[in-house]
PDB file of all heavy atoms in Angstrom:
ATOM      1  N   ILE A   1       0.919  -1.168  -0.049  1.00  0.00           N
ATOM      2  CA  ILE A   1       0.078   0.015  -0.045  1.00  0.00           C
ATOM      3  C   ILE A   1       0.857   1.167   0.028  1.00  0.00           C
ATOM      4  O   ILE A   1       1.823   1.352   0.799  1.00  0.00           O
ATOM      5  CB  ILE A   1      -0.928  -0.073   1.208  1.00  0.00           C
ATOM      6  CG1 ILE A   1      -1.833  -1.129   1.213  1.00  0.00           C
ATOM      7  CG2 ILE A   1      -1.779   1.348   1.239  1.00  0.00           C
ATOM      8  CD1 ILE A   1      -2.674  -1.267   2.473  1.00  0.00           C
ATOM      9  N   LYS A   2       0.601   2.193  -0.841  1.00  0.00           N
ATOM     10  CA  LYS A   2       1.497   3.395  -0.991  1.00  0.00           C
ATOM     11  C   LYS A   2       0.525   4.620  -0.817  1.00  0.00           C
ATOM     12  O   LYS A   2      -0.623   4.568  -1.348  1.00  0.00           O
ATOM     13  CB  LYS A   2       2.083   3.538  -2.341  1.00  0.00           C
ATOM     14  CG  LYS A   2       3.055   2.488  -2.716  1.00  0.00           C
ATOM     15  CD  LYS A   2       3.753   2.830  -3.923  1.00  0.00           C
ATOM     16  CE  LYS A   2       4.667   1.611  -4.234  1.00  0.00           C
ATOM     17  NZ  LYS A   2       5.198   1.719  -5.652  1.00  0.00           N
ATOM     18  N   SER A   3       0.732   5.535   0.108  1.00  0.00           N
ATOM     19  CA  SER A   3       0.016   6.593   0.553  1.00  0.00           C
ATOM     20  C   SER A   3       0.918   7.817   1.007  1.00  0.00           C
ATOM     21  O   SER A   3       1.962   7.586   1.570  1.00  0.00           O
ATOM     22  CB  SER A   3      -1.035   6.296   1.532  1.00  0.00           C
ATOM     23  OG  SER A   3      -1.786   7.378   1.718  1.00  0.00           O
ATOM     24  N   ARG A   4       0.353   9.011   0.672  1.00  0.00           N
ATOM     25  CA  ARG A   4       1.085  10.191   1.205  1.00  0.00           C
ATOM     26  C   ARG A   4       0.633  10.590   2.560  1.00  0.00           C
ATOM     27  O   ARG A   4       1.284  11.259   3.455  1.00  0.00           O
ATOM     28  CB  ARG A   4       0.863  11.399   0.272  1.00  0.00           C
ATOM     29  CG  ARG A   4       1.447  11.289  -1.095  1.00  0.00           C
ATOM     30  CD  ARG A   4       1.169  12.491  -1.966  1.00  0.00           C
ATOM     31  NE  ARG A   4       1.550  12.206  -3.300  1.00  0.00           N
ATOM     32  CZ  ARG A   4       2.752  12.684  -3.772  1.00  0.00           C
ATOM     33  NH1 ARG A   4       3.533  13.136  -3.056  1.00  0.00           N
ATOM     34  NH2 ARG A   4       2.990  12.359  -5.034  1.00  0.00           N
ATOM     35  N   ASN A   5      -0.449   9.861   3.013  1.00  0.00           N
ATOM     36  CA  ASN A   5      -1.011  10.224   4.238  1.00  0.00           C
ATOM     37  C   ASN A   5      -0.880   9.021   5.207  1.00  0.00           C
ATOM     38  O   ASN A   5      -1.305   7.984   4.927  1.00  0.00           O
ATOM     39  CB  ASN A   5      -2.647  10.338   4.109  1.00  0.00           C
ATOM     40  CG  ASN A   5      -3.338  10.746   5.465  1.00  0.00           C
ATOM     41  OD1 ASN A   5      -2.642  10.949   6.421  1.00  0.00           O
ATOM     42  ND2 ASN A   5      -4.459  11.017   5.280  1.00  0.00           N
ATOM     43  N   PRO A   6      -0.024   9.130   6.229  1.00  0.00           N
ATOM     44  CA  PRO A   6       0.262   8.027   7.117  1.00  0.00           C
ATOM     45  C   PRO A   6      -0.849   7.496   7.877  1.00  0.00           C
ATOM     46  O   PRO A   6      -1.021   6.340   8.283  1.00  0.00           O
ATOM     47  CB  PRO A   6       1.352   8.503   8.032  1.00  0.00           C
ATOM     48  CG  PRO A   6       1.292  10.066   8.006  1.00  0.00           C
ATOM     49  CD  PRO A   6       0.590  10.365   6.696  1.00  0.00           C
ATOM     50  N   ALA A   7      -1.893   8.292   8.157  1.00  0.00           N
ATOM     51  CA  ALA A   7      -3.170   7.984   8.948  1.00  0.00           C
ATOM     52  C   ALA A   7      -3.854   6.808   8.175  1.00  0.00           C
ATOM     53  O   ALA A   7      -4.579   5.971   8.735  1.00  0.00           O
ATOM     54  CB  ALA A   7      -4.005   9.192   9.211  1.00  0.00           C
ATOM     55  N   LYS A   8      -3.972   6.907   6.777  1.00  0.00           N
ATOM     56  CA  LYS A   8      -4.607   5.861   5.970  1.00  0.00           C
ATOM     57  C   LYS A   8      -3.971   4.437   6.161  1.00  0.00           C
ATOM     58  O   LYS A   8      -4.620   3.457   6.315  1.00  0.00           O
ATOM     59  CB  LYS A   8      -4.537   6.127   4.647  1.00  0.00           C
ATOM     60  CG  LYS A   8      -5.497   7.350   4.113  1.00  0.00           C
ATOM     61  CD  LYS A   8      -5.524   7.532   2.712  1.00  0.00           C
ATOM     62  CE  LYS A   8      -6.448   8.710   2.246  1.00  0.00           C
ATOM     63  NZ  LYS A   8      -6.471   8.960   0.790  1.00  0.00           N
ATOM     64  N   ILE A   9      -2.623   4.584   6.214  1.00  0.00           N
ATOM     65  CA  ILE A   9      -1.835   3.334   6.370  1.00  0.00           C
ATOM     66  C   ILE A   9      -2.079   2.692   7.776  1.00  0.00           C
ATOM     67  O   ILE A   9      -2.334   1.510   8.061  1.00  0.00           O
ATOM     68  CB  ILE A   9      -0.336   3.404   6.192  1.00  0.00           C
ATOM     69  CG1 ILE A   9      -0.267   3.751   4.529  1.00  0.00           C
ATOM     70  CG2 ILE A   9       0.398   2.275   6.495  1.00  0.00           C
ATOM     71  CD1 ILE A   9       1.127   3.842   4.060  1.00  0.00           C
ATOM     72  N   LEU A  10      -2.020   3.616   8.701  1.00  0.00           N
ATOM     73  CA  LEU A  10      -2.221   3.150  10.178  1.00  0.00           C
ATOM     74  C   LEU A  10      -3.654   2.572  10.407  1.00  0.00           C
ATOM     75  O   LEU A  10      -3.858   1.694  11.098  1.00  0.00           O
ATOM     76  CB  LEU A  10      -1.968   4.254  11.221  1.00  0.00           C
ATOM     77  CG  LEU A  10      -0.455   4.667  11.241  1.00  0.00           C
ATOM     78  CD1 LEU A  10      -0.420   5.939  12.169  1.00  0.00           C
ATOM     79  CD2 LEU A  10       0.373   3.624  11.684  1.00  0.00           C
ATOM     80  N   ALA A  11      -4.585   3.296   9.814  1.00  0.00           N
ATOM     81  CA  ALA A  11      -6.064   2.744   9.808  1.00  0.00           C
ATOM     82  C   ALA A  11      -6.224   1.361   9.271  1.00  0.00           C
ATOM     83  O   ALA A  11      -6.805   0.532   9.722  1.00  0.00           O
ATOM     84  CB  ALA A  11      -6.991   3.681   9.146  1.00  0.00           C
ATOM     85  N   PHE A  12      -5.373   1.184   8.126  1.00  0.00           N
ATOM     86  CA  PHE A  12      -5.496  -0.173   7.468  1.00  0.00           C
ATOM     87  C   PHE A  12      -4.881  -1.281   8.323  1.00  0.00           C
ATOM     88  O   PHE A  12      -5.289  -2.430   8.436  1.00  0.00           O
ATOM     89  CB  PHE A  12      -4.874  -0.186   6.147  1.00  0.00           C
ATOM     90  CG  PHE A  12      -4.935  -1.514   5.397  1.00  0.00           C
ATOM     91  CD1 PHE A  12      -6.104  -1.922   4.878  1.00  0.00           C
ATOM     92  CD2 PHE A  12      -3.851  -2.324   5.362  1.00  0.00           C
ATOM     93  CE1 PHE A  12      -6.188  -3.152   4.223  1.00  0.00           C
ATOM     94  CE2 PHE A  12      -3.846  -3.514   4.710  1.00  0.00           C
ATOM     95  CZ  PHE A  12      -5.137  -3.943   4.308  1.00  0.00           C
ATOM     96  N   ILE A  13      -3.672  -0.919   9.038  1.00  0.00           N
ATOM     97  CA  ILE A  13      -3.062  -1.841   9.869  1.00  0.00           C
ATOM     98  C   ILE A  13      -3.855  -2.166  11.036  1.00  0.00           C
ATOM     99  O   ILE A  13      -3.964  -3.283  11.500  1.00  0.00           O
ATOM    100  CB  ILE A  13      -1.733  -1.270  10.294  1.00  0.00           C
ATOM    101  CG1 ILE A  13      -0.634  -1.246   9.107  1.00  0.00           C
ATOM    102  CG2 ILE A  13      -1.073  -2.064  11.455  1.00  0.00           C
ATOM    103  CD1 ILE A  13       0.538  -0.532   9.355  1.00  0.00           C
ATOM    104  N   ASP A  14      -4.755  -1.209  11.478  1.00  0.00           N
ATOM    105  CA  ASP A  14      -5.589  -1.380  12.642  1.00  0.00           C
ATOM    106  C   ASP A  14      -6.762  -2.436  12.220  1.00  0.00           C
ATOM    107  O   ASP A  14      -7.033  -3.273  13.107  1.00  0.00           O
ATOM    108  CB  ASP A  14      -6.250  -0.003  13.107  1.00  0.00           C
ATOM    109  CG  ASP A  14      -7.027  -0.196  14.312  1.00  0.00           C
ATOM    110  OD1 ASP A  14      -6.561  -0.839  15.358  1.00  0.00           O
ATOM    111  OD2 ASP A  14      -8.103   0.403  14.334  1.00  0.00           O
ATOM    112  N   ILE A  15      -7.197  -2.281  11.005  1.00  0.00           N
ATOM    113  CA  ILE A  15      -8.177  -3.159  10.482  1.00  0.00           C
ATOM    114  C   ILE A  15      -7.746  -4.734  10.575  1.00  0.00           C
ATOM    115  O   ILE A  15      -8.361  -5.641  10.741  1.00  0.00           O
ATOM    116  CB  ILE A  15      -8.747  -2.897   9.149  1.00  0.00           C
ATOM    117  CG1 ILE A  15      -9.550  -1.586   9.256  1.00  0.00           C
ATOM    118  CG2 ILE A  15      -9.576  -3.861   8.460  1.00  0.00           C
ATOM    119  CD1 ILE A  15      -9.970  -0.930   7.943  1.00  0.00           C
ATOM    120  N   LEU A  16      -6.447  -4.780  10.183  1.00  0.00           N
ATOM    121  CA  LEU A  16      -5.811  -6.177  10.033  1.00  0.00           C
ATOM    122  C   LEU A  16      -5.925  -6.926  11.356  1.00  0.00           C
ATOM    123  O   LEU A  16      -5.922  -8.158  11.290  1.00  0.00           O
ATOM    124  CB  LEU A  16      -4.207  -6.080   9.573  1.00  0.00           C
ATOM    125  CG  LEU A  16      -4.114  -5.542   8.330  1.00  0.00           C
ATOM    126  CD1 LEU A  16      -2.602  -5.419   7.996  1.00  0.00           C
ATOM    127  CD2 LEU A  16      -4.689  -6.414   7.115  1.00  0.00           C
ATOM    128  N   ARG A  17      -5.893  -6.273  12.481  1.00  0.00           N
ATOM    129  CA  ARG A  17      -6.065  -6.931  13.716  1.00  0.00           C
ATOM    130  C   ARG A  17      -7.239  -7.839  13.895  1.00  0.00           C
ATOM    131  O   ARG A  17      -7.291  -8.744  14.632  1.00  0.00           O
ATOM    132  CB  ARG A  17      -5.937  -5.977  14.909  1.00  0.00           C
ATOM    133  CG  ARG A  17      -4.734  -5.309  15.022  1.00  0.00           C
ATOM    134  CD  ARG A  17      -4.735  -4.367  16.224  1.00  0.00           C
ATOM    135  NE  ARG A  17      -5.893  -3.520  16.386  1.00  0.00           N
ATOM    136  CZ  ARG A  17      -6.475  -3.113  17.472  1.00  0.00           C
ATOM    137  NH1 ARG A  17      -5.974  -3.497  18.613  1.00  0.00           N
ATOM    138  NH2 ARG A  17      -7.601  -2.446  17.534  1.00  0.00           N
ATOM    139  N   TYR A  18      -8.347  -7.502  13.260  1.00  0.00           N
ATOM    140  CA  TYR A  18      -9.659  -8.155  13.416  1.00  0.00           C
ATOM    141  C   TYR A  18      -9.743  -9.397  12.639  1.00  0.00           C
ATOM    142  O   TYR A  18     -10.788 -10.039  12.771  1.00  0.00           O
ATOM    143  CB  TYR A  18     -10.782  -7.112  13.154  1.00  0.00           C
ATOM    144  CG  TYR A  18     -10.674  -5.956  14.168  1.00  0.00           C
ATOM    145  CD1 TYR A  18     -10.355  -4.761  13.786  1.00  0.00           C
ATOM    146  CD2 TYR A  18     -10.999  -6.202  15.490  1.00  0.00           C
ATOM    147  CE1 TYR A  18     -10.334  -3.654  14.585  1.00  0.00           C
ATOM    148  CE2 TYR A  18     -10.859  -5.246  16.397  1.00  0.00           C
ATOM    149  CZ  TYR A  18     -10.626  -3.829  15.872  1.00  0.00           C
ATOM    150  OH  TYR A  18     -10.405  -2.742  16.737  1.00  0.00           O
ATOM    151  N   LEU A  19      -8.859  -9.701  11.752  1.00  0.00           N
ATOM    152  CA  LEU A  19      -8.932 -10.935  10.975  1.00  0.00           C
ATOM    153  C   LEU A  19      -8.556 -12.126  11.788  1.00  0.00           C
ATOM    154  O   LEU A  19      -7.354 -12.200  12.381  1.00  0.00           O
ATOM    155  CB  LEU A  19      -8.095 -10.822   9.710  1.00  0.00           C
ATOM    156  CG  LEU A  19      -8.630  -9.874   8.642  1.00  0.00           C
ATOM    157  CD1 LEU A  19      -7.715  -9.823   7.452  1.00  0.00           C
ATOM    158  CD2 LEU A  19      -9.946 -10.313   8.134  1.00  0.00           C
ATOM    159  N   ASN A  20      -9.385 -13.196  11.956  1.00  0.00           N
ATOM    160  CA  ASN A  20      -9.137 -14.273  12.770  1.00  0.00           C
ATOM    161  C   ASN A  20      -8.202 -15.396  12.038  1.00  0.00           C
ATOM    162  O   ASN A  20      -8.608 -15.569  10.768  1.00  0.00           O
ATOM    163  CB  ASN A  20     -10.286 -14.919  13.238  1.00  0.00           C
ATOM    164  CG  ASN A  20     -11.043 -14.167  14.309  1.00  0.00           C
ATOM    165  OD1 ASN A  20     -10.472 -13.433  14.963  1.00  0.00           O
ATOM    166  ND2 ASN A  20     -12.480 -14.304  14.351  1.00  0.00           N
ATOM    167  N   GLY A  21      -7.216 -15.920  12.556  1.00  0.00           N
ATOM    168  CA  GLY A  21      -6.485 -16.920  11.997  1.00  0.00           C
ATOM    169  C   GLY A  21      -5.456 -16.601  10.934  1.00  0.00           C
ATOM    170  O   GLY A  21      -5.022 -17.450  10.182  1.00  0.00           O
ATOM    171  N   VAL A  22      -5.175 -15.270  10.857  1.00  0.00           N
ATOM    172  CA  VAL A  22      -4.321 -14.729   9.849  1.00  0.00           C
ATOM    173  C   VAL A  22      -3.119 -14.110  10.540  1.00  0.00           C
ATOM    174  O   VAL A  22      -3.340 -13.209  11.465  1.00  0.00           O
ATOM    175  CB  VAL A  22      -4.853 -13.814   8.841  1.00  0.00           C
ATOM    176  CG1 VAL A  22      -4.011 -13.347   7.791  1.00  0.00           C
ATOM    177  CG2 VAL A  22      -6.213 -14.371   8.244  1.00  0.00           C
ATOM    178  N   LYS A  23      -1.868 -14.420  10.185  1.00  0.00           N
ATOM    179  CA  LYS A  23      -0.649 -13.837  10.734  1.00  0.00           C
ATOM    180  C   LYS A  23      -0.142 -12.800   9.767  1.00  0.00           C
ATOM    181  O   LYS A  23      -0.288 -13.054   8.570  1.00  0.00           O
ATOM    182  CB  LYS A  23       0.458 -14.885  11.031  1.00  0.00           C
ATOM    183  CG  LYS A  23       0.109 -15.882  12.114  1.00  0.00           C
ATOM    184  CD  LYS A  23       1.201 -16.838  12.284  1.00  0.00           C
ATOM    185  CE  LYS A  23       0.838 -18.046  13.215  1.00  0.00           C
ATOM    186  NZ  LYS A  23       1.921 -18.974  13.170  1.00  0.00           N
ATOM    187  N   PHE A  24       0.431 -11.900  10.302  1.00  0.00           N
ATOM    188  CA  PHE A  24       0.960 -10.713   9.396  1.00  0.00           C
ATOM    189  C   PHE A  24       2.419 -10.392   9.661  1.00  0.00           C
ATOM    190  O   PHE A  24       2.721 -10.372  10.884  1.00  0.00           O
ATOM    191  CB  PHE A  24       0.097  -9.585   9.491  1.00  0.00           C
ATOM    192  CG  PHE A  24      -1.293  -9.615   8.925  1.00  0.00           C
ATOM    193  CD1 PHE A  24      -2.345  -9.876   9.892  1.00  0.00           C
ATOM    194  CD2 PHE A  24      -1.608  -9.572   7.733  1.00  0.00           C
ATOM    195  CE1 PHE A  24      -3.682 -10.029   9.467  1.00  0.00           C
ATOM    196  CE2 PHE A  24      -2.876  -9.850   7.088  1.00  0.00           C
ATOM    197  CZ  PHE A  24      -3.838  -9.966   8.061  1.00  0.00           C
ATOM    198  N   LYS A  25       3.077 -10.061   8.614  1.00  0.00           N
ATOM    199  CA  LYS A  25       4.325  -9.311   8.847  1.00  0.00           C
ATOM    200  C   LYS A  25       4.285  -8.024   8.037  1.00  0.00           C
ATOM    201  O   LYS A  25       4.020  -7.959   6.884  1.00  0.00           O
ATOM    202  CB  LYS A  25       5.441 -10.204   8.319  1.00  0.00           C
ATOM    203  CG  LYS A  25       6.842  -9.406   8.378  1.00  0.00           C
ATOM    204  CD  LYS A  25       8.016 -10.321   7.725  1.00  0.00           C
ATOM    205  CE  LYS A  25       9.193  -9.437   7.731  1.00  0.00           C
ATOM    206  NZ  LYS A  25      10.218 -10.180   7.008  1.00  0.00           N
TER     207      LYS A  25
END
């Protein structure tokens, strides 16, 4: 994901926490 706004990337990373059974790096 590429963005000029860091808040968009941080919001997306926050959404990733809610996926069950998926590990992320």
